[in-house]
Amino acid sequence: MYFVVFATDKPAQEALRARIRPAHRVYLRQHPHPVRVVLGGPTLRAQSREMNGTLLVIEAASQEQVDTFLQDDPYVQAGIFAEIIVRPWLWGIGAPQEV
């Protein structure tokens, strides 16, 4: 099952985000949780193209697994996000099995 994570930064988190980003990127690839990060990347402000959040697609057996995975994310532990939304998602166009 797939889940989409939409995380929105608190205001003025650019410096903290930049400092923690290397650890966050390593964590997405190397973690002890039974989930797989399928794709992800930062969301951007429309005008400045500065990072202002995160979008992830995660494959997991349950939302509880996703929630546990997110709790250990360096961004979450640093308190960067104002809001995190996790939604179950049915992958339609471009699904990995189609590639």
PDB file of N, CA and C in Angstrom:
ATOM      1  N   MET A   1       0.837  -1.165   0.000  1.00  0.00           N
ATOM      2  CA  MET A   1       0.000   0.000   0.000  1.00  0.00           C
ATOM      3  C   MET A   1       0.891   1.241   0.000  1.00  0.00           C
ATOM      4  N   TYR A   2       0.418   2.269  -0.690  1.00  0.00           N
ATOM      5  CA  TYR A   2       1.181   3.522  -0.772  1.00  0.00           C
ATOM      6  C   TYR A   2       0.543   4.605   0.086  1.00  0.00           C
ATOM      7  N   PHE A   3       1.395   5.502   0.562  1.00  0.00           N
ATOM      8  CA  PHE A   3       0.973   6.663   1.338  1.00  0.00           C
ATOM      9  C   PHE A   3       1.703   7.879   0.809  1.00  0.00           C
ATOM     10  N   VAL A   4       0.995   9.008   0.767  1.00  0.00           N
ATOM     11  CA  VAL A   4       1.615  10.276   0.393  1.00  0.00           C
ATOM     12  C   VAL A   4       1.747  11.106   1.668  1.00  0.00           C
ATOM     13  N   VAL A   5       2.935  11.683   1.841  1.00  0.00           N
ATOM     14  CA  VAL A   5       3.209  12.549   2.986  1.00  0.00           C
ATOM     15  C   VAL A   5       3.394  13.966   2.453  1.00  0.00           C
ATOM     16  N   PHE A   6       2.574  14.886   2.957  1.00  0.00           N
ATOM     17  CA  PHE A   6       2.714  16.309   2.652  1.00  0.00           C
ATOM     18  C   PHE A   6       3.132  16.983   3.955  1.00  0.00           C
ATOM     19  N   ALA A   7       4.340  17.515   4.011  1.00  0.00           N
ATOM     20  CA  ALA A   7       4.815  18.194   5.216  1.00  0.00           C
ATOM     21  C   ALA A   7       5.144  19.637   4.858  1.00  0.00           C
ATOM     22  N   THR A   8       4.622  20.559   5.641  1.00  0.00           N
ATOM     23  CA  THR A   8       4.813  21.985   5.391  1.00  0.00           C
ATOM     24  C   THR A   8       5.679  22.585   6.490  1.00  0.00           C
ATOM     25  N   ASP A   9       6.728  23.308   6.082  1.00  0.00           N
ATOM     26  CA  ASP A   9       7.639  23.921   7.041  1.00  0.00           C
ATOM     27  C   ASP A   9       6.958  25.029   7.834  1.00  0.00           C
ATOM     28  N   LYS A  10       7.423  25.213   9.066  1.00  0.00           N
ATOM     29  CA  LYS A  10       7.099  26.415   9.816  1.00  0.00           C
ATOM     30  C   LYS A  10       7.800  27.577   9.115  1.00  0.00           C
ATOM     31  N   PRO A  11       7.372  28.806   9.355  1.00  0.00           N
ATOM     32  CA  PRO A  11       8.077  29.950   8.760  1.00  0.00           C
ATOM     33  C   PRO A  11       9.531  30.031   9.238  1.00  0.00           C
ATOM     34  N   ALA A  12      10.381  30.562   8.378  1.00  0.00           N
ATOM     35  CA  ALA A  12      11.785  30.859   8.702  1.00  0.00           C
ATOM     36  C   ALA A  12      12.585  29.622   9.111  1.00  0.00           C
ATOM     37  N   GLN A  13      12.401  28.527   8.395  1.00  0.00           N
ATOM     38  CA  GLN A  13      13.127  27.295   8.689  1.00  0.00           C
ATOM     39  C   GLN A  13      14.252  27.010   7.689  1.00  0.00           C
ATOM     40  N   GLU A  14      14.533  27.948   6.802  1.00  0.00           N
ATOM     41  CA  GLU A  14      15.483  27.701   5.713  1.00  0.00           C
ATOM     42  C   GLU A  14      16.867  27.283   6.216  1.00  0.00           C
ATOM     43  N   ALA A  15      17.409  27.990   7.183  1.00  0.00           N
ATOM     44  CA  ALA A  15      18.760  27.678   7.675  1.00  0.00           C
ATOM     45  C   ALA A  15      18.789  26.323   8.377  1.00  0.00           C
ATOM     46  N   LEU A  16      17.800  26.050   9.211  1.00  0.00           N
ATOM     47  CA  LEU A  16      17.733  24.764   9.905  1.00  0.00           C
ATOM     48  C   LEU A  16      17.536  23.636   8.909  1.00  0.00           C
ATOM     49  N   ARG A  17      16.658  23.828   7.933  1.00  0.00           N
ATOM     50  CA  ARG A  17      16.427  22.819   6.893  1.00  0.00           C
ATOM     51  C   ARG A  17      17.725  22.514   6.158  1.00  0.00           C
ATOM     52  N   ALA A  18      18.455  23.545   5.778  1.00  0.00           N
ATOM     53  CA  ALA A  18      19.710  23.346   5.037  1.00  0.00           C
ATOM     54  C   ALA A  18      20.726  22.577   5.876  1.00  0.00           C
ATOM     55  N   ARG A  19      20.790  22.880   7.154  1.00  0.00           N
ATOM     56  CA  ARG A  19      21.766  22.209   8.023  1.00  0.00           C
ATOM     57  C   ARG A  19      21.423  20.727   8.215  1.00  0.00           C
ATOM     58  N   ILE A  20      20.139  20.403   8.315  1.00  0.00           N
ATOM     59  CA  ILE A  20      19.715  19.030   8.605  1.00  0.00           C
ATOM     60  C   ILE A  20      19.490  18.207   7.342  1.00  0.00           C
ATOM     61  N   ARG A  21      19.395  18.852   6.201  1.00  0.00           N
ATOM     62  CA  ARG A  21      19.044  18.153   4.963  1.00  0.00           C
ATOM     63  C   ARG A  21      19.937  16.949   4.659  1.00  0.00           C
ATOM     64  N   PRO A  22      21.259  17.019   4.824  1.00  0.00           N
ATOM     65  CA  PRO A  22      22.064  15.819   4.539  1.00  0.00           C
ATOM     66  C   PRO A  22      21.651  14.615   5.392  1.00  0.00           C
ATOM     67  N   ALA A  23      21.397  14.818   6.670  1.00  0.00           N
ATOM     68  CA  ALA A  23      20.976  13.711   7.540  1.00  0.00           C
ATOM     69  C   ALA A  23      19.597  13.193   7.138  1.00  0.00           C
ATOM     70  N   HIS A  24      18.709  14.088   6.776  1.00  0.00           N
ATOM     71  CA  HIS A  24      17.366  13.702   6.311  1.00  0.00           C
ATOM     72  C   HIS A  24      17.457  12.826   5.064  1.00  0.00           C
ATOM     73  N   ARG A  25      18.292  13.225   4.122  1.00  0.00           N
ATOM     74  CA  ARG A  25      18.425  12.462   2.877  1.00  0.00           C
ATOM     75  C   ARG A  25      19.010  11.076   3.119  1.00  0.00           C
ATOM     76  N   VAL A  26      19.984  10.972   3.999  1.00  0.00           N
ATOM     77  CA  VAL A  26      20.534   9.662   4.353  1.00  0.00           C
ATOM     78  C   VAL A  26      19.456   8.811   5.006  1.00  0.00           C
ATOM     79  N   TYR A  27      18.707   9.399   5.922  1.00  0.00           N
ATOM     80  CA  TYR A  27      17.660   8.665   6.627  1.00  0.00           C
ATOM     81  C   TYR A  27      16.618   8.097   5.666  1.00  0.00           C
ATOM     82  N   LEU A  28      16.249   8.847   4.654  1.00  0.00           N
ATOM     83  CA  LEU A  28      15.247   8.349   3.702  1.00  0.00           C
ATOM     84  C   LEU A  28      15.712   7.084   2.997  1.00  0.00           C
ATOM     85  N   ARG A  29      17.015   6.934   2.859  1.00  0.00           N
ATOM     86  CA  ARG A  29      17.580   5.773   2.150  1.00  0.00           C
ATOM     87  C   ARG A  29      18.021   4.649   3.090  1.00  0.00           C
ATOM     88  N   GLN A  30      18.391   5.013   4.307  1.00  0.00           N
ATOM     89  CA  GLN A  30      18.950   4.021   5.247  1.00  0.00           C
ATOM     90  C   GLN A  30      18.278   4.195   6.601  1.00  0.00           C
ATOM     91  N   HIS A  31      17.318   3.352   6.890  1.00  0.00           N
ATOM     92  CA  HIS A  31      16.579   3.424   8.147  1.00  0.00           C
ATOM     93  C   HIS A  31      16.186   2.013   8.550  1.00  0.00           C
ATOM     94  N   PRO A  32      15.827   1.805   9.817  1.00  0.00           N
ATOM     95  CA  PRO A  32      15.488   0.463  10.294  1.00  0.00           C
ATOM     96  C   PRO A  32      14.013   0.088  10.176  1.00  0.00           C
ATOM     97  N   HIS A  33      13.208   0.911   9.547  1.00  0.00           N
ATOM     98  CA  HIS A  33      11.759   0.705   9.521  1.00  0.00           C
ATOM     99  C   HIS A  33      11.317  -0.166   8.337  1.00  0.00           C
ATOM    100  N   PRO A  34      10.197  -0.898   8.493  1.00  0.00           N
ATOM    101  CA  PRO A  34       9.691  -1.761   7.413  1.00  0.00           C
ATOM    102  C   PRO A  34       8.870  -0.980   6.387  1.00  0.00           C
ATOM    103  N   VAL A  35       9.427   0.119   5.904  1.00  0.00           N
ATOM    104  CA  VAL A  35       8.784   0.925   4.866  1.00  0.00           C
ATOM    105  C   VAL A  35       9.807   1.189   3.772  1.00  0.00           C
ATOM    106  N   ARG A  36       9.296   1.580   2.616  1.00  0.00           N
ATOM    107  CA  ARG A  36      10.184   1.939   1.506  1.00  0.00           C
ATOM    108  C   ARG A  36       9.774   3.314   0.992  1.00  0.00           C
ATOM    109  N   VAL A  37      10.746   4.216   0.951  1.00  0.00           N
ATOM    110  CA  VAL A  37      10.500   5.525   0.366  1.00  0.00           C
ATOM    111  C   VAL A  37      10.646   5.362  -1.141  1.00  0.00           C
ATOM    112  N   VAL A  38       9.537   5.526  -1.862  1.00  0.00           N
ATOM    113  CA  VAL A  38       9.513   5.296  -3.299  1.00  0.00           C
ATOM    114  C   VAL A  38      10.008   6.527  -4.052  1.00  0.00           C
ATOM    115  N   LEU A  39       9.552   7.688  -3.617  1.00  0.00           N
ATOM    116  CA  LEU A  39      10.031   8.940  -4.210  1.00  0.00           C
ATOM    117  C   LEU A  39       9.788  10.068  -3.236  1.00  0.00           C
ATOM    118  N   GLY A  40      10.485  11.146  -3.463  1.00  0.00           N
ATOM    119  CA  GLY A  40      10.315  12.286  -2.575  1.00  0.00           C
ATOM    120  C   GLY A  40      11.121  13.472  -3.043  1.00  0.00           C
ATOM    121  N   GLY A  41      10.831  14.594  -2.429  1.00  0.00           N
ATOM    122  CA  GLY A  41      11.562  15.805  -2.728  1.00  0.00           C
ATOM    123  C   GLY A  41      10.938  16.984  -2.021  1.00  0.00           C
ATOM    124  N   PRO A  42      11.631  18.107  -2.041  1.00  0.00           N
ATOM    125  CA  PRO A  42      11.101  19.292  -1.382  1.00  0.00           C
ATOM    126  C   PRO A  42      10.007  19.951  -2.219  1.00  0.00           C
ATOM    127  N   THR A  43       9.052  20.543  -1.523  1.00  0.00           N
ATOM    128  CA  THR A  43       8.114  21.434  -2.193  1.00  0.00           C
ATOM    129  C   THR A  43       8.741  22.825  -2.182  1.00  0.00           C
ATOM    130  N   LEU A  44       8.281  23.683  -3.089  1.00  0.00           N
ATOM    131  CA  LEU A  44       8.915  24.985  -3.281  1.00  0.00           C
ATOM    132  C   LEU A  44       7.914  26.117  -3.202  1.00  0.00           C
ATOM    133  N   ARG A  45       8.388  27.282  -2.783  1.00  0.00           N
ATOM    134  CA  ARG A  45       7.572  28.491  -2.865  1.00  0.00           C
ATOM    135  C   ARG A  45       7.425  28.853  -4.341  1.00  0.00           C
ATOM    136  N   ALA A  46       6.253  29.283  -4.730  1.00  0.00           N
ATOM    137  CA  ALA A  46       5.965  29.547  -6.142  1.00  0.00           C
ATOM    138  C   ALA A  46       6.879  30.613  -6.744  1.00  0.00           C
ATOM    139  N   GLN A  47       7.087  31.697  -6.060  1.00  0.00           N
ATOM    140  CA  GLN A  47       7.852  32.804  -6.634  1.00  0.00           C
ATOM    141  C   GLN A  47       9.358  32.629  -6.501  1.00  0.00           C
ATOM    142  N   SER A  48       9.824  32.266  -5.320  1.00  0.00           N
ATOM    143  CA  SER A  48      11.271  32.240  -5.072  1.00  0.00           C
ATOM    144  C   SER A  48      11.911  30.881  -5.332  1.00  0.00           C
ATOM    145  N   ARG A  49      11.108  29.855  -5.437  1.00  0.00           N
ATOM    146  CA  ARG A  49      11.599  28.482  -5.615  1.00  0.00           C
ATOM    147  C   ARG A  49      12.427  27.995  -4.420  1.00  0.00           C
ATOM    148  N   GLU A  50      12.256  28.645  -3.256  1.00  0.00           N
ATOM    149  CA  GLU A  50      12.904  28.179  -2.030  1.00  0.00           C
ATOM    150  C   GLU A  50      12.120  26.999  -1.469  1.00  0.00           C
ATOM    151  N   MET A  51      12.825  26.069  -0.825  1.00  0.00           N
ATOM    152  CA  MET A  51      12.171  24.916  -0.216  1.00  0.00           C
ATOM    153  C   MET A  51      11.270  25.375   0.923  1.00  0.00           C
ATOM    154  N   ASN A  52      10.083  24.770   0.990  1.00  0.00           N
ATOM    155  CA  ASN A  52       9.162  25.122   2.067  1.00  0.00           C
ATOM    156  C   ASN A  52       8.366  23.922   2.586  1.00  0.00           C
ATOM    157  N   GLY A  53       8.808  22.732   2.246  1.00  0.00           N
ATOM    158  CA  GLY A  53       8.120  21.538   2.705  1.00  0.00           C
ATOM    159  C   GLY A  53       8.686  20.298   2.044  1.00  0.00           C
ATOM    160  N   THR A  54       8.019  19.187   2.277  1.00  0.00           N
ATOM    161  CA  THR A  54       8.478  17.890   1.780  1.00  0.00           C
ATOM    162  C   THR A  54       7.291  17.092   1.272  1.00  0.00           C
ATOM    163  N   LEU A  55       7.497  16.381   0.181  1.00  0.00           N
ATOM    164  CA  LEU A  55       6.513  15.435  -0.329  1.00  0.00           C
ATOM    165  C   LEU A  55       7.204  14.087  -0.455  1.00  0.00           C
ATOM    166  N   LEU A  56       6.592  13.050   0.101  1.00  0.00           N
ATOM    167  CA  LEU A  56       7.128  11.691   0.013  1.00  0.00           C
ATOM    168  C   LEU A  56       6.019  10.741  -0.424  1.00  0.00           C
ATOM    169  N   VAL A  57       6.394   9.737  -1.181  1.00  0.00           N
ATOM    170  CA  VAL A  57       5.522   8.593  -1.436  1.00  0.00           C
ATOM    171  C   VAL A  57       6.202   7.408  -0.767  1.00  0.00           C
ATOM    172  N   ILE A  58       5.478   6.772   0.148  1.00  0.00           N
ATOM    173  CA  ILE A  58       6.035   5.691   0.957  1.00  0.00           C
ATOM    174  C   ILE A  58       5.198   4.437   0.759  1.00  0.00           C
ATOM    175  N   GLU A  59       5.873   3.321   0.579  1.00  0.00           N
ATOM    176  CA  GLU A  59       5.205   2.027   0.531  1.00  0.00           C
ATOM    177  C   GLU A  59       5.322   1.387   1.908  1.00  0.00           C
ATOM    178  N   ALA A  60       4.187   0.998   2.475  1.00  0.00           N
ATOM    179  CA  ALA A  60       4.167   0.415   3.819  1.00  0.00           C
ATOM    180  C   ALA A  60       2.919  -0.435   3.970  1.00  0.00           C
ATOM    181  N   ALA A  61       2.922  -1.283   4.981  1.00  0.00           N
ATOM    182  CA  ALA A  61       1.762  -2.135   5.247  1.00  0.00           C
ATOM    183  C   ALA A  61       0.642  -1.374   5.948  1.00  0.00           C
ATOM    184  N   SER A  62       0.988  -0.277   6.659  1.00  0.00           N
ATOM    185  CA  SER A  62      -0.029   0.461   7.409  1.00  0.00           C
ATOM    186  C   SER A  62       0.408   1.907   7.618  1.00  0.00           C
ATOM    187  N   GLN A  63      -0.563   2.734   7.927  1.00  0.00           N
ATOM    188  CA  GLN A  63      -0.237   4.126   8.236  1.00  0.00           C
ATOM    189  C   GLN A  63       0.553   4.209   9.546  1.00  0.00           C
ATOM    190  N   GLU A  64       0.324   3.287  10.446  1.00  0.00           N
ATOM    191  CA  GLU A  64       1.092   3.278  11.690  1.00  0.00           C
ATOM    192  C   GLU A  64       2.587   3.127  11.405  1.00  0.00           C
ATOM    193  N   GLN A  65       2.948   2.278  10.436  1.00  0.00           N
ATOM    194  CA  GLN A  65       4.357   2.137  10.064  1.00  0.00           C
ATOM    195  C   GLN A  65       4.914   3.450   9.519  1.00  0.00           C
ATOM    196  N   VAL A  66       4.119   4.140   8.712  1.00  0.00           N
ATOM    197  CA  VAL A  66       4.543   5.432   8.161  1.00  0.00           C
ATOM    198  C   VAL A  66       4.729   6.438   9.288  1.00  0.00           C
ATOM    199  N   ASP A  67       3.779   6.495  10.210  1.00  0.00           N
ATOM    200  CA  ASP A  67       3.864   7.436  11.321  1.00  0.00           C
ATOM    201  C   ASP A  67       5.112   7.177  12.168  1.00  0.00           C
ATOM    202  N   THR A  68       5.413   5.921  12.433  1.00  0.00           N
ATOM    203  CA  THR A  68       6.605   5.574  13.208  1.00  0.00           C
ATOM    204  C   THR A  68       7.869   5.966  12.455  1.00  0.00           C
ATOM    205  N   PHE A  69       7.897   5.703  11.165  1.00  0.00           N
ATOM    206  CA  PHE A  69       9.026   6.106  10.322  1.00  0.00           C
ATOM    207  C   PHE A  69       9.235   7.616  10.383  1.00  0.00           C
ATOM    208  N   LEU A  70       8.156   8.363  10.262  1.00  0.00           N
ATOM    209  CA  LEU A  70       8.260   9.825  10.266  1.00  0.00           C
ATOM    210  C   LEU A  70       8.774  10.359  11.594  1.00  0.00           C
ATOM    211  N   GLN A  71       8.427   9.733  12.700  1.00  0.00           N
ATOM    212  CA  GLN A  71       8.886  10.194  14.015  1.00  0.00           C
ATOM    213  C   GLN A  71      10.406  10.209  14.128  1.00  0.00           C
ATOM    214  N   ASP A  72      11.082   9.345  13.380  1.00  0.00           N
ATOM    215  CA  ASP A  72      12.551   9.273  13.443  1.00  0.00           C
ATOM    216  C   ASP A  72      13.240  10.120  12.378  1.00  0.00           C
ATOM    217  N   ASP A  73      12.475  10.775  11.513  1.00  0.00           N
ATOM    218  CA  ASP A  73      13.052  11.626  10.468  1.00  0.00           C
ATOM    219  C   ASP A  73      13.751  12.823  11.123  1.00  0.00           C
ATOM    220  N   PRO A  74      14.986  13.115  10.731  1.00  0.00           N
ATOM    221  CA  PRO A  74      15.687  14.270  11.307  1.00  0.00           C
ATOM    222  C   PRO A  74      14.916  15.586  11.191  1.00  0.00           C
ATOM    223  N   TYR A  75      14.196  15.796  10.115  1.00  0.00           N
ATOM    224  CA  TYR A  75      13.391  17.013   9.994  1.00  0.00           C
ATOM    225  C   TYR A  75      12.315  17.066  11.084  1.00  0.00           C
ATOM    226  N   VAL A  76      11.627  15.957  11.293  1.00  0.00           N
ATOM    227  CA  VAL A  76      10.576  15.907  12.302  1.00  0.00           C
ATOM    228  C   VAL A  76      11.181  16.110  13.687  1.00  0.00           C
ATOM    229  N   GLN A  77      12.287  15.440  13.960  1.00  0.00           N
ATOM    230  CA  GLN A  77      12.916  15.572  15.265  1.00  0.00           C
ATOM    231  C   GLN A  77      13.403  16.990  15.528  1.00  0.00           C
ATOM    232  N   ALA A  78      13.768  17.718  14.488  1.00  0.00           N
ATOM    233  CA  ALA A  78      14.220  19.107  14.640  1.00  0.00           C
ATOM    234  C   ALA A  78      13.056  20.083  14.753  1.00  0.00           C
ATOM    235  N   GLY A  79      11.832  19.613  14.517  1.00  0.00           N
ATOM    236  CA  GLY A  79      10.666  20.475  14.639  1.00  0.00           C
ATOM    237  C   GLY A  79      10.467  21.435  13.479  1.00  0.00           C
ATOM    238  N   ILE A  80      10.936  21.071  12.301  1.00  0.00           N
ATOM    239  CA  ILE A  80      10.839  21.959  11.133  1.00  0.00           C
ATOM    240  C   ILE A  80       9.396  22.133  10.653  1.00  0.00           C
ATOM    241  N   PHE A  81       8.583  21.093  10.773  1.00  0.00           N
ATOM    242  CA  PHE A  81       7.278  21.120  10.129  1.00  0.00           C
ATOM    243  C   PHE A  81       6.187  21.727  11.005  1.00  0.00           C
ATOM    244  N   ALA A  82       5.365  22.562  10.388  1.00  0.00           N
ATOM    245  CA  ALA A  82       4.162  23.095  11.027  1.00  0.00           C
ATOM    246  C   ALA A  82       3.028  22.091  10.920  1.00  0.00           C
ATOM    247  N   GLU A  83       3.031  21.313   9.836  1.00  0.00           N
ATOM    248  CA  GLU A  83       1.942  20.373   9.579  1.00  0.00           C
ATOM    249  C   GLU A  83       2.466  19.192   8.782  1.00  0.00           C
ATOM    250  N   ILE A  84       1.993  18.005   9.138  1.00  0.00           N
ATOM    251  CA  ILE A  84       2.288  16.791   8.378  1.00  0.00           C
ATOM    252  C   ILE A  84       0.964  16.087   8.118  1.00  0.00           C
ATOM    253  N   ILE A  85       0.688  15.845   6.849  1.00  0.00           N
ATOM    254  CA  ILE A  85      -0.518  15.124   6.451  1.00  0.00           C
ATOM    255  C   ILE A  85      -0.078  13.831   5.778  1.00  0.00           C
ATOM    256  N   VAL A  86      -0.634  12.714   6.225  1.00  0.00           N
ATOM    257  CA  VAL A  86      -0.364  11.405   5.624  1.00  0.00           C
ATOM    258  C   VAL A  86      -1.690  10.877   5.103  1.00  0.00           C
ATOM    259  N   ARG A  87      -1.686  10.507   3.811  1.00  0.00           N
ATOM    260  CA  ARG A  87      -2.907   9.974   3.208  1.00  0.00           C
ATOM    261  C   ARG A  87      -2.603   8.677   2.461  1.00  0.00           C
ATOM    262  N   PRO A  88      -3.466   7.658   2.608  1.00  0.00           N
ATOM    263  CA  PRO A  88      -3.341   6.482   1.748  1.00  0.00           C
ATOM    264  C   PRO A  88      -3.540   6.924   0.301  1.00  0.00           C
ATOM    265  N   TRP A  89      -2.866   6.241  -0.605  1.00  0.00           N
ATOM    266  CA  TRP A  89      -2.869   6.691  -1.998  1.00  0.00           C
ATOM    267  C   TRP A  89      -2.865   5.496  -2.931  1.00  0.00           C
ATOM    268  N   LEU A  90      -3.700   5.543  -3.953  1.00  0.00           N
ATOM    269  CA  LEU A  90      -3.695   4.538  -5.015  1.00  0.00           C
ATOM    270  C   LEU A  90      -2.917   5.109  -6.188  1.00  0.00           C
ATOM    271  N   TRP A  91      -1.828   4.488  -6.518  1.00  0.00           N
ATOM    272  CA  TRP A  91      -0.972   4.976  -7.592  1.00  0.00           C
ATOM    273  C   TRP A  91      -1.620   4.623  -8.918  1.00  0.00           C
ATOM    274  N   GLY A  92      -1.876   5.616  -9.742  1.00  0.00           N
ATOM    275  CA  GLY A  92      -2.508   5.396 -11.041  1.00  0.00           C
ATOM    276  C   GLY A  92      -1.482   5.468 -12.140  1.00  0.00           C
ATOM    277  N   ILE A  93      -1.428   6.566 -12.829  1.00  0.00           N
ATOM    278  CA  ILE A  93      -0.523   6.755 -13.962  1.00  0.00           C
ATOM    279  C   ILE A  93       0.925   6.760 -13.500  1.00  0.00           C
ATOM    280  N   GLY A  94       1.764   6.024 -14.207  1.00  0.00           N
ATOM    281  CA  GLY A  94       3.191   5.987 -13.884  1.00  0.00           C
ATOM    282  C   GLY A  94       3.543   5.088 -12.718  1.00  0.00           C
ATOM    283  N   ALA A  95       2.653   4.208 -12.335  1.00  0.00           N
ATOM    284  CA  ALA A  95       2.929   3.300 -11.217  1.00  0.00           C
ATOM    285  C   ALA A  95       4.181   2.476 -11.510  1.00  0.00           C
ATOM    286  N   PRO A  96       4.966   2.149 -10.472  1.00  0.00           N
ATOM    287  CA  PRO A  96       6.236   1.429 -10.695  1.00  0.00           C
ATOM    288  C   PRO A  96       6.090   0.160 -11.533  1.00  0.00           C
ATOM    289  N   GLN A  97       4.991  -0.569 -11.375  1.00  0.00           N
ATOM    290  CA  GLN A  97       4.828  -1.799 -12.143  1.00  0.00           C
ATOM    291  C   GLN A  97       4.605  -1.530 -13.630  1.00  0.00           C
ATOM    292  N   GLU A  98       4.306  -0.272 -13.988  1.00  0.00           N
ATOM    293  CA  GLU A  98       4.118   0.084 -15.395  1.00  0.00           C
ATOM    294  C   GLU A  98       5.438   0.438 -16.073  1.00  0.00           C
ATOM    295  N   VAL A  99       6.445   0.749 -15.277  1.00  0.00           N
ATOM    296  CA  VAL A  99       7.709   1.240 -15.828  1.00  0.00           C
ATOM    297  C   VAL A  99       8.541   0.101 -16.392  1.00  0.00           C
TER     298      VAL A  99
END
